[in-house]
Amino acid sequence: TFIDRGEKIINRHLRTLAMETTLTTMSLAAAASS
């Protein structure tokens, strides 16, 4: 639980190159607006 809470702090405040990723398989379906 301590690690989970601490990791949430990290995820809120840290923005490093190692955190960058690309998802190429996203899909906006026909007739959808989200």
Full PDB file with SEQRES, HELIX, SHEET, SSBOND, CRYST1, ORIGX, SCALE, CONECT and MASTER records, all heavy atoms in Angstrom:
SEQRES   1 A   34  THR PHE ILE ASP ARG GLY GLU LYS ILE ILE ASN ARG HIS          
SEQRES   2 A   34  LEU ARG THR LEU ALA MET GLU THR THR LEU THR THR MET          
SEQRES   3 A   34  SER LEU ALA ALA ALA ALA SER SER                              
HELIX    1 AA1 PHE A    2  HIS A   13  1                                  12    
HELIX    2 AA2 LEU A   17  MET A   19  5                                   3    
CRYST1    1.000    1.000    1.000  90.00  90.00  90.00 P 1           1          
ORIGX1      1.000000  0.000000  0.000000        0.00000                         
ORIGX2      0.000000  1.000000  0.000000        0.00000                         
ORIGX3      0.000000  0.000000  1.000000        0.00000                         
SCALE1      1.000000  0.000000  0.000000        0.00000                         
SCALE2      0.000000  1.000000  0.000000        0.00000                         
SCALE3      0.000000  0.000000  1.000000        0.00000                         
ATOM      1  N   THR A   1       0.831  -1.202   0.000  1.00  0.00           N  
ATOM      2  CA  THR A   1       0.000   0.000   0.000  1.00  0.00           C  
ATOM      3  C   THR A   1       0.863   1.249   0.000  1.00  0.00           C  
ATOM      4  O   THR A   1       0.571   2.218  -0.710  1.00  0.00           O  
ATOM      5  CB  THR A   1      -0.925   0.022   1.229  1.00  0.00           C  
ATOM      6  OG1 THR A   1      -1.767  -1.134   1.191  1.00  0.00           O  
ATOM      7  CG2 THR A   1      -1.799   1.272   1.243  1.00  0.00           C  
ATOM      8  N   PHE A   2       1.949   1.239   0.777  1.00  0.00           N  
ATOM      9  CA  PHE A   2       2.861   2.388   0.807  1.00  0.00           C  
ATOM     10  C   PHE A   2       3.462   2.629  -0.575  1.00  0.00           C  
ATOM     11  O   PHE A   2       3.561   3.777  -1.023  1.00  0.00           O  
ATOM     12  CB  PHE A   2       3.985   2.149   1.819  1.00  0.00           C  
ATOM     13  CG  PHE A   2       3.535   1.969   3.241  1.00  0.00           C  
ATOM     14  CD1 PHE A   2       4.373   1.381   4.179  1.00  0.00           C  
ATOM     15  CD2 PHE A   2       2.266   2.388   3.643  1.00  0.00           C  
ATOM     16  CE1 PHE A   2       3.970   1.212   5.497  1.00  0.00           C  
ATOM     17  CE2 PHE A   2       1.849   2.216   4.968  1.00  0.00           C  
ATOM     18  CZ  PHE A   2       2.709   1.626   5.896  1.00  0.00           C  
ATOM     19  N   ILE A   3       3.866   1.550  -1.227  1.00  0.00           N  
ATOM     20  CA  ILE A   3       4.468   1.673  -2.562  1.00  0.00           C  
ATOM     21  C   ILE A   3       3.437   2.188  -3.561  1.00  0.00           C  
ATOM     22  O   ILE A   3       3.737   3.041  -4.404  1.00  0.00           O  
ATOM     23  CB  ILE A   3       5.054   0.331  -3.018  1.00  0.00           C  
ATOM     24  CG1 ILE A   3       6.253  -0.046  -2.133  1.00  0.00           C  
ATOM     25  CG2 ILE A   3       5.475   0.380  -4.491  1.00  0.00           C  
ATOM     26  CD1 ILE A   3       6.796  -1.437  -2.379  1.00  0.00           C  
ATOM     27  N   ASP A   4       2.219   1.687  -3.478  1.00  0.00           N  
ATOM     28  CA  ASP A   4       1.161   2.135  -4.383  1.00  0.00           C  
ATOM     29  C   ASP A   4       0.888   3.625  -4.208  1.00  0.00           C  
ATOM     30  O   ASP A   4       0.761   4.363  -5.188  1.00  0.00           O  
ATOM     31  CB  ASP A   4      -0.110   1.326  -4.137  1.00  0.00           C  
ATOM     32  CG  ASP A   4      -1.240   1.732  -5.065  1.00  0.00           C  
ATOM     33  OD1 ASP A   4      -1.107   1.542  -6.283  1.00  0.00           O  
ATOM     34  OD2 ASP A   4      -2.262   2.261  -4.565  1.00  0.00           O  
ATOM     35  N   ARG A   5       0.806   4.073  -2.960  1.00  0.00           N  
ATOM     36  CA  ARG A   5       0.572   5.496  -2.702  1.00  0.00           C  
ATOM     37  C   ARG A   5       1.739   6.336  -3.202  1.00  0.00           C  
ATOM     38  O   ARG A   5       1.550   7.400  -3.805  1.00  0.00           O  
ATOM     39  CB  ARG A   5       0.365   5.724  -1.209  1.00  0.00           C  
ATOM     40  CG  ARG A   5      -0.964   5.205  -0.677  1.00  0.00           C  
ATOM     41  CD  ARG A   5      -1.009   5.294   0.833  1.00  0.00           C  
ATOM     42  NE  ARG A   5      -2.281   4.834   1.361  1.00  0.00           N  
ATOM     43  CZ  ARG A   5      -2.492   4.516   2.637  1.00  0.00           C  
ATOM     44  NH1 ARG A   5      -1.489   4.605   3.508  1.00  0.00           N  
ATOM     45  NH2 ARG A   5      -3.681   4.098   3.040  1.00  0.00           N  
ATOM     46  N   GLY A   6       2.955   5.855  -2.955  1.00  0.00           N  
ATOM     47  CA  GLY A   6       4.118   6.579  -3.425  1.00  0.00           C  
ATOM     48  C   GLY A   6       4.203   6.638  -4.934  1.00  0.00           C  
ATOM     49  O   GLY A   6       4.570   7.665  -5.516  1.00  0.00           O  
ATOM     50  N   GLU A   7       3.863   5.543  -5.584  1.00  0.00           N  
ATOM     51  CA  GLU A   7       3.898   5.499  -7.043  1.00  0.00           C  
ATOM     52  C   GLU A   7       2.864   6.447  -7.637  1.00  0.00           C  
ATOM     53  O   GLU A   7       3.099   7.034  -8.702  1.00  0.00           O  
ATOM     54  CB  GLU A   7       3.655   4.075  -7.521  1.00  0.00           C  
ATOM     55  CG  GLU A   7       3.984   3.852  -8.984  1.00  0.00           C  
ATOM     56  CD  GLU A   7       3.928   2.387  -9.358  1.00  0.00           C  
ATOM     57  OE1 GLU A   7       2.872   1.757  -9.103  1.00  0.00           O  
ATOM     58  OE2 GLU A   7       4.916   1.867  -9.883  1.00  0.00           O  
ATOM     59  N   LYS A   8       1.758   6.617  -6.980  1.00  0.00           N  
ATOM     60  CA  LYS A   8       0.759   7.588  -7.452  1.00  0.00           C  
ATOM     61  C   LYS A   8       1.323   9.003  -7.412  1.00  0.00           C  
ATOM     62  O   LYS A   8       1.041   9.830  -8.301  1.00  0.00           O  
ATOM     63  CB  LYS A   8      -0.518   7.488  -6.606  1.00  0.00           C  
ATOM     64  CG  LYS A   8      -1.394   6.292  -6.945  1.00  0.00           C  
ATOM     65  CD  LYS A   8      -2.655   6.262  -6.099  1.00  0.00           C  
ATOM     66  CE  LYS A   8      -3.668   5.243  -6.614  1.00  0.00           C  
ATOM     67  NZ  LYS A   8      -3.171   3.870  -6.585  1.00  0.00           N  
ATOM     68  N   ILE A   9       2.135   9.298  -6.395  1.00  0.00           N  
ATOM     69  CA  ILE A   9       2.791  10.608  -6.328  1.00  0.00           C  
ATOM     70  C   ILE A   9       3.748  10.761  -7.508  1.00  0.00           C  
ATOM     71  O   ILE A   9       3.783  11.802  -8.179  1.00  0.00           O  
ATOM     72  CB  ILE A   9       3.562  10.755  -4.995  1.00  0.00           C  
ATOM     73  CG1 ILE A   9       2.591  10.743  -3.815  1.00  0.00           C  
ATOM     74  CG2 ILE A   9       4.376  12.051  -4.996  1.00  0.00           C  
ATOM     75  CD1 ILE A   9       3.272  10.689  -2.454  1.00  0.00           C  
ATOM     76  N   ILE A  10       4.530   9.720  -7.766  1.00  0.00           N  
ATOM     77  CA  ILE A  10       5.462   9.738  -8.894  1.00  0.00           C  
ATOM     78  C   ILE A  10       4.713   9.964 -10.205  1.00  0.00           C  
ATOM     79  O   ILE A  10       5.105  10.802 -11.031  1.00  0.00           O  
ATOM     80  CB  ILE A  10       6.256   8.422  -8.956  1.00  0.00           C  
ATOM     81  CG1 ILE A  10       7.190   8.289  -7.755  1.00  0.00           C  
ATOM     82  CG2 ILE A  10       7.057   8.332 -10.261  1.00  0.00           C  
ATOM     83  CD1 ILE A  10       7.859   6.934  -7.638  1.00  0.00           C  
ATOM     84  N   ASN A  11       3.641   9.242 -10.410  1.00  0.00           N  
ATOM     85  CA  ASN A  11       2.894   9.340 -11.663  1.00  0.00           C  
ATOM     86  C   ASN A  11       2.233  10.703 -11.845  1.00  0.00           C  
ATOM     87  O   ASN A  11       2.024  11.145 -12.979  1.00  0.00           O  
ATOM     88  CB  ASN A  11       1.842   8.234 -11.738  1.00  0.00           C  
ATOM     89  CG  ASN A  11       2.448   6.876 -12.035  1.00  0.00           C  
ATOM     90  OD1 ASN A  11       3.485   6.772 -12.686  1.00  0.00           O  
ATOM     91  ND2 ASN A  11       1.812   5.822 -11.548  1.00  0.00           N  
ATOM     92  N   ARG A  12       1.899  11.354 -10.746  1.00  0.00           N  
ATOM     93  CA  ARG A  12       1.294  12.688 -10.853  1.00  0.00           C  
ATOM     94  C   ARG A  12       2.317  13.750 -11.230  1.00  0.00           C  
ATOM     95  O   ARG A  12       1.981  14.710 -11.936  1.00  0.00           O  
ATOM     96  CB  ARG A  12       0.632  13.079  -9.531  1.00  0.00           C  
ATOM     97  CG  ARG A  12      -0.739  12.486  -9.307  1.00  0.00           C  
ATOM     98  CD  ARG A  12      -1.499  13.216  -8.210  1.00  0.00           C  
ATOM     99  NE  ARG A  12      -0.839  13.119  -6.909  1.00  0.00           N  
ATOM    100  CZ  ARG A  12      -1.060  12.148  -6.028  1.00  0.00           C  
ATOM    101  NH1 ARG A  12      -1.910  11.174  -6.315  1.00  0.00           N  
ATOM    102  NH2 ARG A  12      -0.440  12.141  -4.866  1.00  0.00           N  
ATOM    103  N   HIS A  13       3.552  13.587 -10.782  1.00  0.00           N  
ATOM    104  CA  HIS A  13       4.517  14.681 -10.911  1.00  0.00           C  
ATOM    105  C   HIS A  13       5.665  14.433 -11.874  1.00  0.00           C  
ATOM    106  O   HIS A  13       6.314  15.391 -12.302  1.00  0.00           O  
ATOM    107  CB  HIS A  13       5.086  15.015  -9.529  1.00  0.00           C  
ATOM    108  CG  HIS A  13       4.070  15.500  -8.555  1.00  0.00           C  
ATOM    109  ND1 HIS A  13       3.557  16.783  -8.581  1.00  0.00           N  
ATOM    110  CD2 HIS A  13       3.443  14.871  -7.521  1.00  0.00           C  
ATOM    111  CE1 HIS A  13       2.671  16.930  -7.609  1.00  0.00           C  
ATOM    112  NE2 HIS A  13       2.576  15.785  -6.954  1.00  0.00           N  
ATOM    113  N   LEU A  14       5.945  13.183 -12.204  1.00  0.00           N  
ATOM    114  CA  LEU A  14       7.107  12.883 -13.042  1.00  0.00           C  
ATOM    115  C   LEU A  14       6.705  12.731 -14.503  1.00  0.00           C  
ATOM    116  O   LEU A  14       5.717  12.075 -14.820  1.00  0.00           O  
ATOM    117  CB  LEU A  14       7.769  11.592 -12.547  1.00  0.00           C  
ATOM    118  CG  LEU A  14       9.225  11.349 -12.963  1.00  0.00           C  
ATOM    119  CD1 LEU A  14      10.123  12.459 -12.420  1.00  0.00           C  
ATOM    120  CD2 LEU A  14       9.695   9.995 -12.453  1.00  0.00           C  
ATOM    121  N   ARG A  15       7.491  13.347 -15.387  1.00  0.00           N  
ATOM    122  CA  ARG A  15       7.278  13.231 -16.834  1.00  0.00           C  
ATOM    123  C   ARG A  15       8.640  13.099 -17.509  1.00  0.00           C  
ATOM    124  O   ARG A  15       9.241  14.083 -17.914  1.00  0.00           O  
ATOM    125  CB  ARG A  15       6.518  14.454 -17.380  1.00  0.00           C  
ATOM    126  CG  ARG A  15       5.092  14.615 -16.867  1.00  0.00           C  
ATOM    127  CD  ARG A  15       4.191  13.530 -17.391  1.00  0.00           C  
ATOM    128  NE  ARG A  15       2.820  13.686 -16.952  1.00  0.00           N  
ATOM    129  CZ  ARG A  15       2.305  13.178 -15.830  1.00  0.00           C  
ATOM    130  NH1 ARG A  15       3.094  12.481 -15.011  1.00  0.00           N  
ATOM    131  NH2 ARG A  15       1.046  13.349 -15.514  1.00  0.00           N  
ATOM    132  N   THR A  16       9.119  11.873 -17.612  1.00  0.00           N  
ATOM    133  CA  THR A  16      10.434  11.626 -18.196  1.00  0.00           C  
ATOM    134  C   THR A  16      10.294  10.952 -19.558  1.00  0.00           C  
ATOM    135  O   THR A  16       9.223  10.461 -19.925  1.00  0.00           O  
ATOM    136  CB  THR A  16      11.273  10.721 -17.276  1.00  0.00           C  
ATOM    137  OG1 THR A  16      10.639   9.429 -17.181  1.00  0.00           O  
ATOM    138  CG2 THR A  16      11.402  11.326 -15.885  1.00  0.00           C  
ATOM    139  N   LEU A  17      11.393  10.915 -20.289  1.00  0.00           N  
ATOM    140  CA  LEU A  17      11.378  10.287 -21.608  1.00  0.00           C  
ATOM    141  C   LEU A  17      11.034   8.808 -21.509  1.00  0.00           C  
ATOM    142  O   LEU A  17      10.405   8.242 -22.405  1.00  0.00           O  
ATOM    143  CB  LEU A  17      12.738  10.464 -22.290  1.00  0.00           C  
ATOM    144  CG  LEU A  17      13.182  11.909 -22.564  1.00  0.00           C  
ATOM    145  CD1 LEU A  17      14.546  11.918 -23.242  1.00  0.00           C  
ATOM    146  CD2 LEU A  17      12.166  12.649 -23.415  1.00  0.00           C  
ATOM    147  N   ALA A  18      11.443   8.174 -20.413  1.00  0.00           N  
ATOM    148  CA  ALA A  18      11.165   6.749 -20.246  1.00  0.00           C  
ATOM    149  C   ALA A  18       9.680   6.461 -20.062  1.00  0.00           C  
ATOM    150  O   ALA A  18       9.238   5.323 -20.251  1.00  0.00           O  
ATOM    151  CB  ALA A  18      11.941   6.204 -19.048  1.00  0.00           C  
ATOM    152  N   MET A  19       8.921   7.482 -19.710  1.00  0.00           N  
ATOM    153  CA  MET A  19       7.480   7.307 -19.520  1.00  0.00           C  
ATOM    154  C   MET A  19       6.696   7.496 -20.814  1.00  0.00           C  
ATOM    155  O   MET A  19       5.492   7.256 -20.857  1.00  0.00           O  
ATOM    156  CB  MET A  19       6.964   8.281 -18.455  1.00  0.00           C  
ATOM    157  CG  MET A  19       7.575   8.076 -17.083  1.00  0.00           C  
ATOM    158  SD  MET A  19       7.109   9.351 -15.883  1.00  0.00           S  
ATOM    159  CE  MET A  19       5.408   8.858 -15.511  1.00  0.00           C  
ATOM    160  N   GLU A  20       7.372   7.943 -21.861  1.00  0.00           N  
ATOM    161  CA  GLU A  20       6.697   8.164 -23.139  1.00  0.00           C  
ATOM    162  C   GLU A  20       6.526   6.840 -23.883  1.00  0.00           C  
ATOM    163  O   GLU A  20       7.458   6.043 -23.950  1.00  0.00           O  
ATOM    164  CB  GLU A  20       7.484   9.148 -24.006  1.00  0.00           C  
ATOM    165  CG  GLU A  20       7.552  10.550 -23.427  1.00  0.00           C  
ATOM    166  CD  GLU A  20       8.208  11.534 -24.373  1.00  0.00           C  
ATOM    167  OE1 GLU A  20       8.323  11.207 -25.578  1.00  0.00           O  
ATOM    168  OE2 GLU A  20       8.605  12.624 -23.915  1.00  0.00           O  
ATOM    169  N   THR A  21       5.356   6.642 -24.436  1.00  0.00           N  
ATOM    170  CA  THR A  21       5.106   5.443 -25.229  1.00  0.00           C  
ATOM    171  C   THR A  21       4.114   5.780 -26.331  1.00  0.00           C  
ATOM    172  O   THR A  21       3.406   6.786 -26.251  1.00  0.00           O  
ATOM    173  CB  THR A  21       4.558   4.296 -24.351  1.00  0.00           C  
ATOM    174  OG1 THR A  21       4.517   3.097 -25.105  1.00  0.00           O  
ATOM    175  CG2 THR A  21       3.158   4.604 -23.839  1.00  0.00           C  
ATOM    176  N   THR A  22       4.069   4.957 -27.362  1.00  0.00           N  
ATOM    177  CA  THR A  22       3.155   5.186 -28.480  1.00  0.00           C  
ATOM    178  C   THR A  22       2.288   3.960 -28.706  1.00  0.00           C  
ATOM    179  O   THR A  22       2.796   2.841 -28.796  1.00  0.00           O  
ATOM    180  CB  THR A  22       3.932   5.495 -29.774  1.00  0.00           C  
ATOM    181  OG1 THR A  22       4.747   6.651 -29.576  1.00  0.00           O  
ATOM    182  CG2 THR A  22       2.961   5.762 -30.928  1.00  0.00           C  
ATOM    183  N   LEU A  23       0.985   4.178 -28.780  1.00  0.00           N  
ATOM    184  CA  LEU A  23       0.041   3.119 -29.119  1.00  0.00           C  
ATOM    185  C   LEU A  23      -0.472   3.394 -30.517  1.00  0.00           C  
ATOM    186  O   LEU A  23      -1.095   4.425 -30.774  1.00  0.00           O  
ATOM    187  CB  LEU A  23      -1.115   3.093 -28.111  1.00  0.00           C  
ATOM    188  CG  LEU A  23      -2.186   2.023 -28.345  1.00  0.00           C  
ATOM    189  CD1 LEU A  23      -1.587   0.628 -28.188  1.00  0.00           C  
ATOM    190  CD2 LEU A  23      -3.347   2.206 -27.368  1.00  0.00           C  
ATOM    191  N   THR A  24      -0.202   2.484 -31.448  1.00  0.00           N  
ATOM    192  CA  THR A  24      -0.544   2.698 -32.857  1.00  0.00           C  
ATOM    193  C   THR A  24      -1.840   2.010 -33.263  1.00  0.00           C  
ATOM    194  O   THR A  24      -2.223   2.074 -34.426  1.00  0.00           O  
ATOM    195  CB  THR A  24       0.591   2.183 -33.762  1.00  0.00           C  
ATOM    196  OG1 THR A  24       0.755   0.770 -33.546  1.00  0.00           O  
ATOM    197  CG2 THR A  24       1.899   2.898 -33.458  1.00  0.00           C  
ATOM    198  N   THR A  25      -2.511   1.364 -32.317  1.00  0.00           N  
ATOM    199  CA  THR A  25      -3.694   0.558 -32.661  1.00  0.00           C  
ATOM    200  C   THR A  25      -4.990   1.143 -32.113  1.00  0.00           C  
ATOM    201  O   THR A  25      -5.963   0.424 -31.926  1.00  0.00           O  
ATOM    202  CB  THR A  25      -3.521  -0.875 -32.130  1.00  0.00           C  
ATOM    203  OG1 THR A  25      -3.285  -0.842 -30.714  1.00  0.00           O  
ATOM    204  CG2 THR A  25      -2.361  -1.566 -32.824  1.00  0.00           C  
ATOM    205  N   MET A  26      -5.022   2.442 -31.862  1.00  0.00           N  
ATOM    206  CA  MET A  26      -6.267   3.063 -31.415  1.00  0.00           C  
ATOM    207  C   MET A  26      -7.226   3.152 -32.593  1.00  0.00           C  
ATOM    208  O   MET A  26      -6.797   3.255 -33.754  1.00  0.00           O  
ATOM    209  CB  MET A  26      -6.004   4.444 -30.825  1.00  0.00           C  
ATOM    210  CG  MET A  26      -5.120   4.397 -29.586  1.00  0.00           C  
ATOM    211  SD  MET A  26      -4.938   5.998 -28.779  1.00  0.00           S  
ATOM    212  CE  MET A  26      -6.566   6.215 -28.050  1.00  0.00           C  
ATOM    213  N   SER A  27      -8.509   3.126 -32.295  1.00  0.00           N  
ATOM    214  CA  SER A  27      -9.490   3.111 -33.377  1.00  0.00           C  
ATOM    215  C   SER A  27     -10.715   3.947 -33.012  1.00  0.00           C  
ATOM    216  O   SER A  27     -11.323   3.747 -31.959  1.00  0.00           O  
ATOM    217  CB  SER A  27      -9.910   1.670 -33.675  1.00  0.00           C  
ATOM    218  OG  SER A  27     -10.876   1.633 -34.709  1.00  0.00           O  
ATOM    219  N   LEU A  28     -11.030   4.891 -33.890  1.00  0.00           N  
ATOM    220  CA  LEU A  28     -12.273   5.645 -33.773  1.00  0.00           C  
ATOM    221  C   LEU A  28     -13.276   4.982 -34.700  1.00  0.00           C  
ATOM    222  O   LEU A  28     -13.140   5.023 -35.918  1.00  0.00           O  
ATOM    223  CB  LEU A  28     -12.057   7.108 -34.171  1.00  0.00           C  
ATOM    224  CG  LEU A  28     -13.307   7.991 -34.198  1.00  0.00           C  
ATOM    225  CD1 LEU A  28     -13.971   8.064 -32.826  1.00  0.00           C  
ATOM    226  CD2 LEU A  28     -12.967   9.393 -34.707  1.00  0.00           C  
ATOM    227  N   ALA A  29     -14.267   4.358 -34.117  1.00  0.00           N  
ATOM    228  CA  ALA A  29     -15.219   3.575 -34.899  1.00  0.00           C  
ATOM    229  C   ALA A  29     -16.160   4.462 -35.697  1.00  0.00           C  
ATOM    230  O   ALA A  29     -16.445   5.603 -35.322  1.00  0.00           O  
ATOM    231  CB  ALA A  29     -16.025   2.665 -33.975  1.00  0.00           C  
ATOM    232  N   ALA A  30     -16.649   3.947 -36.797  1.00  0.00           N  
ATOM    233  CA  ALA A  30     -17.627   4.661 -37.617  1.00  0.00           C  
ATOM    234  C   ALA A  30     -18.848   4.987 -36.768  1.00  0.00           C  
ATOM    235  O   ALA A  30     -19.319   4.164 -35.980  1.00  0.00           O  
ATOM    236  CB  ALA A  30     -18.025   3.808 -38.811  1.00  0.00           C  
ATOM    237  N   ALA A  31     -19.349   6.208 -36.915  1.00  0.00           N  
ATOM    238  CA  ALA A  31     -20.517   6.723 -36.194  1.00  0.00           C  
ATOM    239  C   ALA A  31     -20.236   7.029 -34.725  1.00  0.00           C  
ATOM    240  O   ALA A  31     -21.121   7.460 -34.000  1.00  0.00           O  
ATOM    241  CB  ALA A  31     -21.715   5.782 -36.304  1.00  0.00           C  
ATOM    242  N   ALA A  32     -19.003   6.831 -34.285  1.00  0.00           N  
ATOM    243  CA  ALA A  32     -18.640   7.128 -32.893  1.00  0.00           C  
ATOM    244  C   ALA A  32     -18.021   8.517 -32.788  1.00  0.00           C  
ATOM    245  O   ALA A  32     -17.394   9.011 -33.731  1.00  0.00           O  
ATOM    246  CB  ALA A  32     -17.663   6.090 -32.364  1.00  0.00           C  
ATOM    247  N   SER A  33     -18.190   9.147 -31.642  1.00  0.00           N  
ATOM    248  CA  SER A  33     -17.597  10.462 -31.408  1.00  0.00           C  
ATOM    249  C   SER A  33     -16.667  10.444 -30.198  1.00  0.00           C  
ATOM    250  O   SER A  33     -16.331  11.497 -29.651  1.00  0.00           O  
ATOM    251  CB  SER A  33     -18.689  11.521 -31.206  1.00  0.00           C  
ATOM    252  OG  SER A  33     -19.525  11.163 -30.112  1.00  0.00           O  
ATOM    253  N   SER A  34     -16.260   9.251 -29.778  1.00  0.00           N  
ATOM    254  CA  SER A  34     -15.307   9.126 -28.676  1.00  0.00           C  
ATOM    255  C   SER A  34     -14.597   7.786 -28.784  1.00  0.00           C  
ATOM    256  O   SER A  34     -15.063   6.873 -29.468  1.00  0.00           O  
ATOM    257  CB  SER A  34     -16.004   9.237 -27.317  1.00  0.00           C  
ATOM    258  OG  SER A  34     -16.845   8.122 -27.101  1.00  0.00           O  
TER     259      SER A  34                                                      
MASTER        0    0    0    2    0    0    0    6  258    1    0    3          
END                                                                             
